N, C-alpha and C. Protein backbone atom coordinates (compact mmCIF):
# COMPACT_ATOMS: atom_id res chain seq x y z
N UNK A 1 106.29 189.66 76.66
CA UNK A 1 106.04 190.96 77.25
C UNK A 1 107.33 191.78 77.26
N UNK A 2 107.23 193.02 76.87
CA UNK A 2 108.40 193.89 76.78
C UNK A 2 108.61 194.63 78.10
N UNK A 3 109.88 194.69 78.53
CA UNK A 3 110.22 195.38 79.78
C UNK A 3 110.37 196.87 79.49
N UNK A 4 109.79 197.71 80.34
CA UNK A 4 109.84 199.16 80.15
C UNK A 4 111.26 199.69 80.34
N UNK A 5 111.59 200.79 79.65
CA UNK A 5 112.89 201.44 79.82
C UNK A 5 112.71 202.58 80.80
N UNK A 6 113.59 202.64 81.78
CA UNK A 6 113.52 203.68 82.79
C UNK A 6 114.69 204.63 82.66
N UNK A 7 114.51 205.83 83.16
CA UNK A 7 115.54 206.86 83.05
C UNK A 7 116.43 206.93 84.28
N UNK A 8 116.28 205.98 85.19
CA UNK A 8 117.12 205.90 86.38
C UNK A 8 118.00 204.67 86.25
N UNK A 9 119.30 204.86 86.52
CA UNK A 9 120.28 203.79 86.38
C UNK A 9 121.00 203.56 87.70
N UNK A 10 121.77 202.48 87.76
CA UNK A 10 122.57 202.17 88.92
C UNK A 10 123.58 203.30 89.16
N UNK A 11 123.85 203.61 90.42
CA UNK A 11 124.78 204.65 90.88
C UNK A 11 124.27 206.07 90.68
N UNK A 12 123.03 206.28 90.26
CA UNK A 12 122.45 207.62 90.18
C UNK A 12 122.11 208.12 91.58
N UNK A 13 122.19 209.42 91.76
CA UNK A 13 121.77 210.05 93.01
C UNK A 13 120.29 210.41 92.86
N UNK A 14 119.44 209.91 93.76
CA UNK A 14 118.00 210.14 93.64
C UNK A 14 117.42 210.64 94.96
N UNK A 15 116.22 211.25 94.86
CA UNK A 15 115.48 211.67 96.04
C UNK A 15 114.14 210.93 96.05
N UNK A 16 113.72 210.49 97.23
CA UNK A 16 112.43 209.82 97.38
C UNK A 16 111.36 210.89 97.52
N UNK A 17 110.32 210.82 96.68
CA UNK A 17 109.29 211.86 96.68
C UNK A 17 107.97 211.40 97.30
N UNK A 18 107.84 210.13 97.62
CA UNK A 18 106.61 209.60 98.21
C UNK A 18 106.95 208.51 99.21
N UNK A 19 106.15 208.38 100.24
CA UNK A 19 106.28 207.27 101.17
C UNK A 19 106.93 207.64 102.48
N UNK A 20 107.28 206.62 103.24
CA UNK A 20 107.83 206.78 104.59
C UNK A 20 109.15 207.54 104.61
N UNK A 21 109.98 207.37 103.59
CA UNK A 21 111.30 207.99 103.53
C UNK A 21 111.31 209.27 102.69
N UNK A 22 110.17 209.90 102.52
CA UNK A 22 110.03 211.08 101.66
C UNK A 22 111.03 212.18 102.01
N UNK A 23 111.69 212.73 100.97
CA UNK A 23 112.64 213.83 101.15
C UNK A 23 114.08 213.39 101.33
N UNK A 24 114.32 212.11 101.54
CA UNK A 24 115.68 211.61 101.75
C UNK A 24 116.33 211.30 100.40
N UNK A 25 117.66 211.43 100.36
CA UNK A 25 118.39 211.16 99.13
C UNK A 25 119.35 210.00 99.34
N UNK A 26 119.70 209.35 98.23
CA UNK A 26 120.64 208.23 98.30
C UNK A 26 121.05 207.79 96.91
N UNK A 27 121.94 206.81 96.89
CA UNK A 27 122.49 206.27 95.64
C UNK A 27 121.76 204.98 95.28
N UNK A 28 121.44 204.80 94.01
CA UNK A 28 120.74 203.60 93.55
C UNK A 28 121.74 202.44 93.53
N UNK A 29 121.38 201.36 94.24
CA UNK A 29 122.21 200.17 94.31
C UNK A 29 121.83 199.18 93.22
N UNK A 30 120.51 199.09 92.96
CA UNK A 30 120.01 198.09 92.03
C UNK A 30 118.71 198.58 91.39
N UNK A 31 118.56 198.32 90.09
CA UNK A 31 117.31 198.62 89.39
C UNK A 31 116.71 197.28 88.96
N UNK A 32 115.42 197.10 89.24
CA UNK A 32 114.70 195.87 88.87
C UNK A 32 113.65 196.26 87.83
N UNK A 33 114.03 196.30 86.53
CA UNK A 33 113.14 196.83 85.50
C UNK A 33 111.87 196.01 85.26
N UNK A 34 111.93 194.68 85.41
CA UNK A 34 110.73 193.88 85.15
C UNK A 34 109.65 194.08 86.22
N UNK A 35 110.04 194.53 87.41
CA UNK A 35 109.07 194.82 88.47
C UNK A 35 108.86 196.32 88.66
N UNK A 36 109.67 197.16 87.99
CA UNK A 36 109.54 198.60 88.11
C UNK A 36 109.93 199.11 89.49
N UNK A 37 111.04 198.58 90.03
CA UNK A 37 111.46 198.94 91.38
C UNK A 37 112.95 199.25 91.43
N UNK A 38 113.36 199.99 92.47
CA UNK A 38 114.77 200.32 92.70
C UNK A 38 115.11 200.07 94.17
N UNK A 39 116.39 199.77 94.42
CA UNK A 39 116.90 199.64 95.78
C UNK A 39 117.87 200.79 96.00
N UNK A 40 117.68 201.54 97.10
CA UNK A 40 118.51 202.70 97.38
C UNK A 40 119.33 202.42 98.63
N UNK A 41 120.61 202.78 98.56
CA UNK A 41 121.56 202.51 99.63
C UNK A 41 121.13 203.12 100.97
N UNK A 42 121.05 202.28 102.00
CA UNK A 42 120.73 202.66 103.39
C UNK A 42 119.40 203.38 103.57
N UNK A 43 118.44 203.18 102.66
CA UNK A 43 117.10 203.74 102.80
C UNK A 43 116.07 202.62 102.65
N UNK A 44 114.89 202.84 103.22
CA UNK A 44 113.80 201.87 103.21
C UNK A 44 114.25 200.54 103.82
N UNK A 45 114.90 200.63 104.99
CA UNK A 45 115.43 199.46 105.68
C UNK A 45 114.30 198.65 106.32
N UNK A 46 114.45 197.33 106.32
CA UNK A 46 113.51 196.47 107.01
C UNK A 46 114.28 195.39 107.76
N UNK A 47 113.62 194.77 108.73
CA UNK A 47 114.27 193.75 109.55
C UNK A 47 113.74 192.38 109.16
N UNK A 48 114.65 191.42 109.07
CA UNK A 48 114.28 190.06 108.73
C UNK A 48 114.87 189.11 109.77
N UNK A 49 114.11 188.11 110.17
CA UNK A 49 114.59 187.09 111.06
C UNK A 49 115.16 185.96 110.20
N UNK A 50 116.42 185.61 110.43
CA UNK A 50 117.07 184.57 109.61
C UNK A 50 117.63 183.47 110.49
N UNK A 51 117.58 182.26 109.97
CA UNK A 51 118.17 181.11 110.65
C UNK A 51 119.68 181.12 110.38
N UNK A 52 120.47 180.51 111.24
CA UNK A 52 121.90 180.38 110.94
C UNK A 52 122.10 179.59 109.65
N UNK A 53 122.99 180.08 108.80
CA UNK A 53 123.27 179.44 107.51
C UNK A 53 124.72 179.77 107.15
N UNK A 54 125.23 179.23 106.05
CA UNK A 54 126.61 179.61 105.65
C UNK A 54 126.77 181.12 105.42
N UNK A 55 125.72 181.77 104.93
CA UNK A 55 125.80 183.22 104.69
C UNK A 55 125.70 184.00 106.00
N UNK A 56 124.78 183.59 106.89
CA UNK A 56 124.59 184.25 108.19
C UNK A 56 124.94 183.25 109.29
N UNK A 57 126.19 183.25 109.72
CA UNK A 57 126.67 182.28 110.70
C UNK A 57 125.88 182.35 112.00
N UNK A 58 125.65 183.55 112.51
CA UNK A 58 124.99 183.75 113.79
C UNK A 58 123.47 183.56 113.70
N UNK A 59 122.88 184.04 112.61
CA UNK A 59 121.43 184.07 112.51
C UNK A 59 120.91 185.27 113.28
N UNK A 60 119.62 185.32 113.57
CA UNK A 60 119.05 186.43 114.33
C UNK A 60 118.33 187.42 113.44
N UNK A 61 118.30 188.69 113.86
CA UNK A 61 117.59 189.73 113.13
C UNK A 61 118.60 190.55 112.34
N UNK A 62 118.40 190.64 111.03
CA UNK A 62 119.28 191.46 110.18
C UNK A 62 118.46 192.59 109.57
N UNK A 63 119.16 193.68 109.23
CA UNK A 63 118.52 194.80 108.54
C UNK A 63 119.02 194.85 107.11
N UNK A 64 118.10 195.04 106.16
CA UNK A 64 118.51 195.15 104.77
C UNK A 64 117.60 196.13 104.04
N UNK A 65 118.05 196.59 102.87
CA UNK A 65 117.28 197.56 102.10
C UNK A 65 116.18 196.85 101.33
N UNK A 66 115.00 197.44 101.35
CA UNK A 66 113.88 196.92 100.57
C UNK A 66 113.75 197.77 99.31
N UNK A 67 113.09 197.24 98.31
CA UNK A 67 112.93 197.99 97.06
C UNK A 67 111.77 198.98 97.17
N UNK A 68 111.83 200.02 96.34
CA UNK A 68 110.79 201.04 96.25
C UNK A 68 110.28 201.06 94.82
N UNK A 69 109.06 201.53 94.64
CA UNK A 69 108.55 201.72 93.28
C UNK A 69 109.37 202.82 92.60
N UNK A 70 109.75 202.60 91.36
CA UNK A 70 110.60 203.56 90.65
C UNK A 70 109.89 204.88 90.42
N UNK A 71 108.54 204.86 90.46
CA UNK A 71 107.78 206.09 90.28
C UNK A 71 107.86 207.00 91.51
N UNK A 72 108.34 206.48 92.62
CA UNK A 72 108.44 207.26 93.85
C UNK A 72 109.80 207.92 94.05
N UNK A 73 110.67 207.84 93.06
CA UNK A 73 111.98 208.50 93.15
C UNK A 73 112.20 209.40 91.94
N UNK A 74 112.98 210.46 92.16
CA UNK A 74 113.36 211.38 91.07
C UNK A 74 114.86 211.58 91.09
N UNK A 75 115.43 211.69 89.92
CA UNK A 75 116.86 211.92 89.76
C UNK A 75 117.23 213.31 90.26
N UNK A 76 118.42 213.46 90.84
CA UNK A 76 118.90 214.75 91.31
C UNK A 76 119.91 215.29 90.30
N UNK A 77 119.69 216.52 89.84
CA UNK A 77 120.59 217.18 88.90
C UNK A 77 121.71 217.86 89.70
N UNK A 78 122.96 217.71 89.24
CA UNK A 78 124.09 218.34 89.92
C UNK A 78 124.03 219.86 89.85
N UNK A 79 123.54 220.38 88.74
CA UNK A 79 123.49 221.83 88.55
C UNK A 79 122.31 222.46 89.29
N UNK A 80 121.13 221.83 89.22
CA UNK A 80 119.92 222.37 89.86
C UNK A 80 119.89 222.09 91.36
N UNK A 81 120.62 221.07 91.81
CA UNK A 81 120.68 220.66 93.22
C UNK A 81 119.32 220.23 93.78
N UNK A 82 118.50 219.61 92.95
CA UNK A 82 117.20 219.14 93.42
C UNK A 82 116.65 218.08 92.50
N UNK A 83 115.50 217.52 92.86
CA UNK A 83 114.89 216.49 92.01
C UNK A 83 114.33 217.11 90.73
N UNK A 84 114.58 216.46 89.61
CA UNK A 84 114.16 216.99 88.31
C UNK A 84 113.57 215.89 87.43
N UNK A 85 112.80 216.33 86.45
CA UNK A 85 112.32 215.39 85.43
C UNK A 85 113.46 215.19 84.44
N UNK A 86 113.47 214.02 83.82
CA UNK A 86 114.56 213.65 82.93
C UNK A 86 114.02 213.34 81.55
N UNK A 87 114.74 213.81 80.51
CA UNK A 87 114.38 213.50 79.14
C UNK A 87 115.53 212.81 78.44
N UNK A 88 115.29 212.39 77.21
CA UNK A 88 116.33 211.76 76.39
C UNK A 88 116.47 212.56 75.12
N UNK A 89 117.73 212.70 74.67
CA UNK A 89 117.95 213.33 73.37
C UNK A 89 119.13 212.68 72.69
N UNK A 90 119.17 212.80 71.37
CA UNK A 90 120.23 212.21 70.56
C UNK A 90 121.24 213.30 70.23
N UNK A 91 122.51 213.04 70.54
CA UNK A 91 123.58 213.99 70.22
C UNK A 91 123.99 213.82 68.76
N UNK A 92 124.87 214.71 68.29
CA UNK A 92 125.30 214.70 66.89
C UNK A 92 125.92 213.36 66.47
N UNK A 93 126.66 212.72 67.38
CA UNK A 93 127.31 211.45 67.07
C UNK A 93 126.35 210.27 67.07
N UNK A 94 125.09 210.49 67.39
CA UNK A 94 124.10 209.43 67.42
C UNK A 94 123.96 208.79 68.80
N UNK A 95 124.68 209.32 69.79
CA UNK A 95 124.59 208.79 71.15
C UNK A 95 123.35 209.34 71.85
N UNK A 96 122.61 208.47 72.54
CA UNK A 96 121.43 208.89 73.29
C UNK A 96 121.85 209.18 74.72
N UNK A 97 121.52 210.37 75.21
CA UNK A 97 121.88 210.78 76.57
C UNK A 97 120.65 211.25 77.33
N UNK A 98 120.75 211.25 78.66
CA UNK A 98 119.70 211.78 79.52
C UNK A 98 120.03 213.24 79.81
N UNK A 99 118.99 214.07 79.91
CA UNK A 99 119.23 215.48 80.24
C UNK A 99 118.17 215.97 81.21
N UNK A 100 118.53 217.01 81.95
CA UNK A 100 117.63 217.63 82.92
C UNK A 100 116.66 218.53 82.15
N UNK A 101 115.37 218.34 82.37
CA UNK A 101 114.38 219.14 81.66
C UNK A 101 114.26 220.55 82.22
N UNK A 102 114.82 220.78 83.41
CA UNK A 102 114.74 222.09 84.03
C UNK A 102 115.83 223.03 83.52
N UNK A 103 117.09 222.54 83.47
CA UNK A 103 118.19 223.41 83.06
C UNK A 103 118.82 223.00 81.74
N UNK A 104 118.51 221.82 81.22
CA UNK A 104 119.06 221.37 79.94
C UNK A 104 120.42 220.68 80.06
N UNK A 105 120.94 220.52 81.27
CA UNK A 105 122.25 219.90 81.51
C UNK A 105 122.21 218.41 81.18
N UNK A 106 123.24 217.91 80.48
CA UNK A 106 123.35 216.48 80.17
C UNK A 106 123.77 215.75 81.45
N UNK A 107 123.06 214.68 81.80
CA UNK A 107 123.28 213.99 83.07
C UNK A 107 124.25 212.83 82.99
N UNK A 108 124.68 212.44 81.80
CA UNK A 108 125.62 211.33 81.66
C UNK A 108 126.99 211.75 82.15
N UNK A 109 127.70 210.81 82.77
CA UNK A 109 129.03 211.12 83.30
C UNK A 109 130.09 210.82 82.28
């Protein structure tokens, strides 16, 4: 089975467009392409009860980020200052880059 290619990458600034955290923005911490999900820094937090272990000396209730469906987030364009659709195009040198479909700005850093 082939894993889908997504237009959202790690460290991108995104806005959540659906769900409990709708309208909030954050930085992508992790992309999980085989499940079609993303983890966004300090958003979609959940609480877990953990036993004491080498990782969690005290144990108790911890808060951590849960993943969201990648279809529920949109990339934020620096020029447009809002969520935009993203396309791909090939530059003269043969490099493939992402661009904003609203203003045409190349989104690669």
